[in-house]
């Protein structure tokens, strides 16, 4: 077998894989994003992606029309140790007023602003598009509420920030488990945009809620 036929891998000497290098890169990427986002500020950062937002909003507005009201839903459940659902839900209710918590939860949060009467204003990647939307009141959703007792079950419509089109909805529910908590995170999007958009947003959920849970646990213990 020639060298060109051998699968290339790189790792730190003495380790079995490259997970340590991945962790170093993730730490560096987060640090770089904090610096760049902080220096740009929310207005300039939002302006930089305004063209992409217009394209993304138009893309999902078209899917709303083509899907004729049909939605596809998906759910991801993540688990955490060392924090209870009651404590996390209480922390979340306070933390959603903090811009640093919102924008820092995911690398592809380009705007995450609270305080608008229409709800938190979010600009983030959805599928392969950048979309701007408001998270509406936490009392209505096209995602079925599910069964079982939850410390905090919340539902909301997602509305495009340019014309108010309701293009999707989300649902979150937090449950106790023997070692801490689990979070059931669901999204509904126009059926013609699925499954890639739904799958991508479930991945997005997993990243941002893990970061929120870790931050919540650290701040609660202080």
Protein backbone atom coordinates (compact mmCIF):
# COMPACT_ATOMS: atom_id res chain seq x y z
CA UNK A 1 0.00 0.00 0.00
CA UNK A 2 1.41 3.39 -0.94
CA UNK A 3 1.45 6.40 1.35
CA UNK A 4 -1.31 7.95 -0.80
CA UNK A 5 -3.62 5.03 0.03
CA UNK A 6 -3.20 5.38 3.80
CA UNK A 7 -5.85 7.32 5.69
CA UNK A 8 -4.27 10.38 7.23
CA UNK A 9 -4.76 11.05 10.93
CA UNK A 10 -3.10 13.45 13.36
CA UNK A 11 -2.99 13.17 17.13
CA UNK A 12 -0.85 14.14 20.07
CA UNK A 13 1.85 11.61 20.71
CA UNK A 14 0.69 9.02 23.22
CA UNK A 15 -3.03 9.62 22.61
CA UNK A 16 -5.32 7.33 20.63
CA UNK A 17 -7.23 10.00 18.67
CA UNK A 18 -7.38 13.72 17.97
CA UNK A 19 -10.08 14.67 20.50
CA UNK A 20 -7.64 16.75 22.56
CA UNK A 21 -6.73 18.80 19.49
CA UNK A 22 -10.45 19.21 18.73
CA UNK A 23 -10.98 20.59 22.24
CA UNK A 24 -8.10 23.02 21.81
CA UNK A 25 -9.54 24.22 18.52
CA UNK A 26 -13.02 24.62 20.03
CA UNK A 27 -11.62 26.69 22.91
CA UNK A 28 -9.70 28.88 20.47
CA UNK A 29 -12.70 29.30 18.15
CA UNK A 30 -14.92 30.39 21.02
CA UNK A 31 -12.30 32.86 22.20
CA UNK A 32 -11.93 34.30 18.70
CA UNK A 33 -15.68 34.64 18.26
CA UNK A 34 -16.06 36.40 21.61
CA UNK A 35 -13.40 38.88 20.55
CA UNK A 36 -14.85 39.50 17.08
CA UNK A 37 -18.48 39.70 18.18
CA UNK A 38 -17.57 41.91 21.11
CA UNK A 39 -15.54 44.32 18.97
CA UNK A 40 -18.18 44.52 16.24
CA UNK A 41 -21.14 44.93 18.58
CA UNK A 42 -24.69 43.80 17.78
CA UNK A 43 -25.54 46.55 15.27
CA UNK A 44 -22.46 46.11 13.08
CA UNK A 45 -22.65 42.33 13.31
CA UNK A 46 -26.31 42.42 12.25
CA UNK A 47 -25.47 44.77 9.39
CA UNK A 48 -22.75 42.45 8.12
CA UNK A 49 -25.24 39.63 7.57
CA UNK A 50 -28.23 41.75 6.47
CA UNK A 51 -28.02 40.54 2.86
CA UNK A 52 -27.94 36.92 3.96
CA UNK A 53 -30.88 37.51 6.31
CA UNK A 54 -32.98 38.91 3.46
CA UNK A 55 -32.18 35.85 1.37
CA UNK A 56 -32.85 33.43 4.24
CA UNK A 57 -36.15 35.03 5.19
CA UNK A 58 -37.30 34.92 1.58
CA UNK A 59 -36.28 31.26 1.38
CA UNK A 60 -38.38 30.23 4.38
CA UNK A 61 -41.27 32.50 3.40
CA UNK A 62 -41.41 30.59 0.12
CA UNK A 63 -41.40 27.29 2.01
CA UNK A 64 -44.34 28.47 4.11
CA UNK A 65 -46.33 29.03 0.92
CA UNK A 66 -45.26 25.80 -0.76
CA UNK A 67 -45.89 23.63 2.28
CA UNK A 68 -49.52 24.83 2.50
CA UNK A 69 -49.55 24.68 6.27
CA UNK A 70 -47.90 21.25 6.56
CA UNK A 71 -45.11 21.01 9.12
CA UNK A 72 -42.37 18.53 9.91
CA UNK A 73 -41.22 18.22 13.50
CA UNK A 74 -38.14 16.83 15.17
CA UNK A 75 -36.98 16.38 18.75
CA UNK A 76 -33.61 15.97 20.42
CA UNK A 77 -33.23 15.09 24.09
CA UNK A 78 -30.07 16.01 25.95
CA UNK A 79 -29.08 15.08 29.51
CA UNK A 80 -27.09 16.93 32.14
CA UNK A 81 -25.68 15.95 35.52
CA UNK A 82 -25.22 18.19 38.52
CA UNK A 83 -28.13 20.56 37.83
CA UNK A 84 -31.86 20.21 38.42
CA UNK A 85 -34.56 21.19 35.90
CA UNK A 86 -36.11 23.58 38.42
CA UNK A 87 -32.81 25.42 38.93
CA UNK A 88 -32.08 25.51 35.22
CA UNK A 89 -35.56 26.80 34.34
CA UNK A 90 -35.24 29.56 36.93
CA UNK A 91 -31.79 30.49 35.63
CA UNK A 92 -33.08 30.57 32.04
CA UNK A 93 -35.94 32.91 32.92
CA UNK A 94 -33.38 35.42 34.23
CA UNK A 95 -30.63 34.76 31.71
CA UNK A 96 -32.77 35.49 28.65
CA UNK A 97 -32.47 39.15 29.55
CA UNK A 98 -28.67 38.98 29.20
CA UNK A 99 -27.26 39.63 25.71
CA UNK A 100 -23.98 37.87 26.55
CA UNK A 101 -25.83 34.67 27.44
CA UNK A 102 -27.95 34.74 24.31
CA UNK A 103 -25.32 35.58 21.71
CA UNK A 104 -22.62 33.44 23.31
CA UNK A 105 -24.66 30.24 23.32
CA UNK A 106 -23.86 29.31 19.72
CA UNK A 107 -21.20 30.34 17.17
CA UNK A 108 -23.90 31.11 14.60
CA UNK A 109 -25.87 33.53 16.77
CA UNK A 110 -25.35 36.80 14.87
CA UNK A 111 -27.91 38.74 16.88
CA UNK A 112 -29.63 37.73 20.09
CA UNK A 113 -31.42 40.64 21.68
CA UNK A 114 -34.03 40.62 24.43
CA UNK A 115 -36.44 43.35 25.45
CA UNK A 116 -38.50 43.68 22.27
CA UNK A 117 -42.27 43.36 22.89
CA UNK A 118 -42.38 40.85 20.02
CA UNK A 119 -39.98 38.60 21.92
CA UNK A 120 -36.24 37.87 21.70
CA UNK A 121 -34.86 38.91 18.31
CA UNK A 122 -32.62 36.19 16.93
CA UNK A 123 -30.47 36.07 13.80
CA UNK A 124 -28.92 32.65 13.30
CA UNK A 125 -28.20 29.96 10.76
CA UNK A 126 -31.11 27.72 9.86
CA UNK A 127 -30.28 24.97 7.40
CA UNK A 128 -27.77 26.73 5.11
CA UNK A 129 -29.39 30.15 5.44
CA UNK A 130 -29.14 33.04 7.89
CA UNK A 131 -32.61 33.88 9.16
CA UNK A 132 -33.92 36.69 11.36
CA UNK A 133 -36.92 36.03 13.56
CA UNK A 134 -38.68 36.78 16.82
CA UNK A 135 -39.43 34.11 19.40
CA UNK A 136 -43.06 34.87 20.24
CA UNK A 137 -44.85 34.54 23.55
CA UNK A 138 -44.18 31.22 25.23
CA UNK A 139 -47.78 30.06 25.09
CA UNK A 140 -48.46 28.71 21.63
CA UNK A 141 -46.74 26.28 19.30
CA UNK A 142 -47.33 23.85 16.50
CA UNK A 143 -45.17 21.30 18.29
CA UNK A 144 -47.28 18.86 20.32
CA UNK A 145 -46.70 19.47 24.04
CA UNK A 146 -45.93 15.79 24.74
CA UNK A 147 -46.62 13.74 27.83
CA UNK A 148 -45.18 13.66 31.32
CA UNK A 149 -44.48 16.18 34.04
CA UNK A 150 -41.89 18.84 33.32
CA UNK A 151 -40.39 21.54 35.51
CA UNK A 152 -40.92 24.01 32.70
CA UNK A 153 -42.64 23.28 29.39
CA UNK A 154 -42.67 26.20 26.96
CA UNK A 155 -43.97 26.67 23.44
CA UNK A 156 -43.58 29.50 20.98
CA UNK A 157 -44.06 30.50 17.35
CA UNK A 158 -41.10 31.75 15.31
CA UNK A 159 -41.96 34.82 13.21
CA UNK A 160 -39.76 36.30 10.48
CA UNK A 161 -38.44 39.70 11.53
CA UNK A 162 -39.27 41.49 8.28
CA UNK A 163 -42.98 40.72 7.80
CA UNK A 164 -44.06 38.65 10.80
CA UNK A 165 -44.66 35.43 8.87
CA UNK A 166 -44.96 32.51 11.29
CA UNK A 167 -42.62 29.98 9.71
CA UNK A 168 -42.06 27.54 12.55
CA UNK A 169 -42.32 26.86 16.24
CA UNK A 170 -40.29 25.45 19.09
CA UNK A 171 -40.98 23.58 22.29
CA UNK A 172 -38.76 22.97 25.29
CA UNK A 173 -39.41 20.82 28.36
CA UNK A 174 -37.13 20.03 31.28
CA UNK A 175 -37.41 16.83 33.33
CA UNK A 176 -35.73 15.39 36.39
CA UNK A 177 -33.59 12.28 35.99
CA UNK A 178 -31.62 10.27 38.57
CA UNK A 179 -28.44 12.31 38.12
CA UNK A 180 -29.76 15.73 37.18
CA UNK A 181 -32.02 16.66 34.31
CA UNK A 182 -32.95 16.07 30.71
CA UNK A 183 -34.23 18.58 28.17
CA UNK A 184 -36.65 17.69 25.38
CA UNK A 185 -36.10 20.20 22.57
CA UNK A 186 -38.43 20.24 19.56
CA UNK A 187 -38.85 22.28 16.40
CA UNK A 188 -41.49 22.41 13.65
CA UNK A 189 -40.72 23.86 10.22
CA UNK A 190 -42.45 23.91 6.81
CA UNK A 191 -42.58 20.39 5.43
CA UNK A 192 -40.90 21.37 2.17
CA UNK A 193 -37.79 22.55 4.05
CA UNK A 194 -37.36 19.25 5.88
CA UNK A 195 -35.54 17.17 6.86
CA UNK A 196 -32.28 19.08 6.51
CA UNK A 197 -33.53 22.25 8.19
CA UNK A 198 -35.07 20.31 11.08
CA UNK A 199 -31.94 18.18 11.55
CA UNK A 200 -29.70 21.25 11.51
CA UNK A 201 -31.80 23.04 14.11
CA UNK A 202 -31.77 20.03 16.42
CA UNK A 203 -27.97 20.12 16.22
CA UNK A 204 -28.17 23.85 16.99
CA UNK A 205 -30.37 23.11 20.02
CA UNK A 206 -27.88 20.57 21.35
CA UNK A 207 -24.99 23.04 21.17
CA UNK A 208 -26.72 26.06 22.68
CA UNK A 209 -28.50 24.21 25.48
CA UNK A 210 -25.33 22.37 26.47
CA UNK A 211 -23.57 25.74 26.73
CA UNK A 212 -26.46 27.22 28.71
CA UNK A 213 -26.56 24.25 31.10
CA UNK A 214 -22.83 24.43 31.77
CA UNK A 215 -23.00 28.17 32.36
CA UNK A 216 -26.08 27.84 34.56
CA UNK A 217 -24.41 25.19 36.74
CA UNK A 218 -21.28 27.30 37.12
CA UNK A 219 -23.22 30.45 38.08
CA UNK A 220 -25.59 28.66 40.45
CA UNK A 221 -22.62 27.18 42.35
CA UNK A 222 -20.95 30.54 42.89
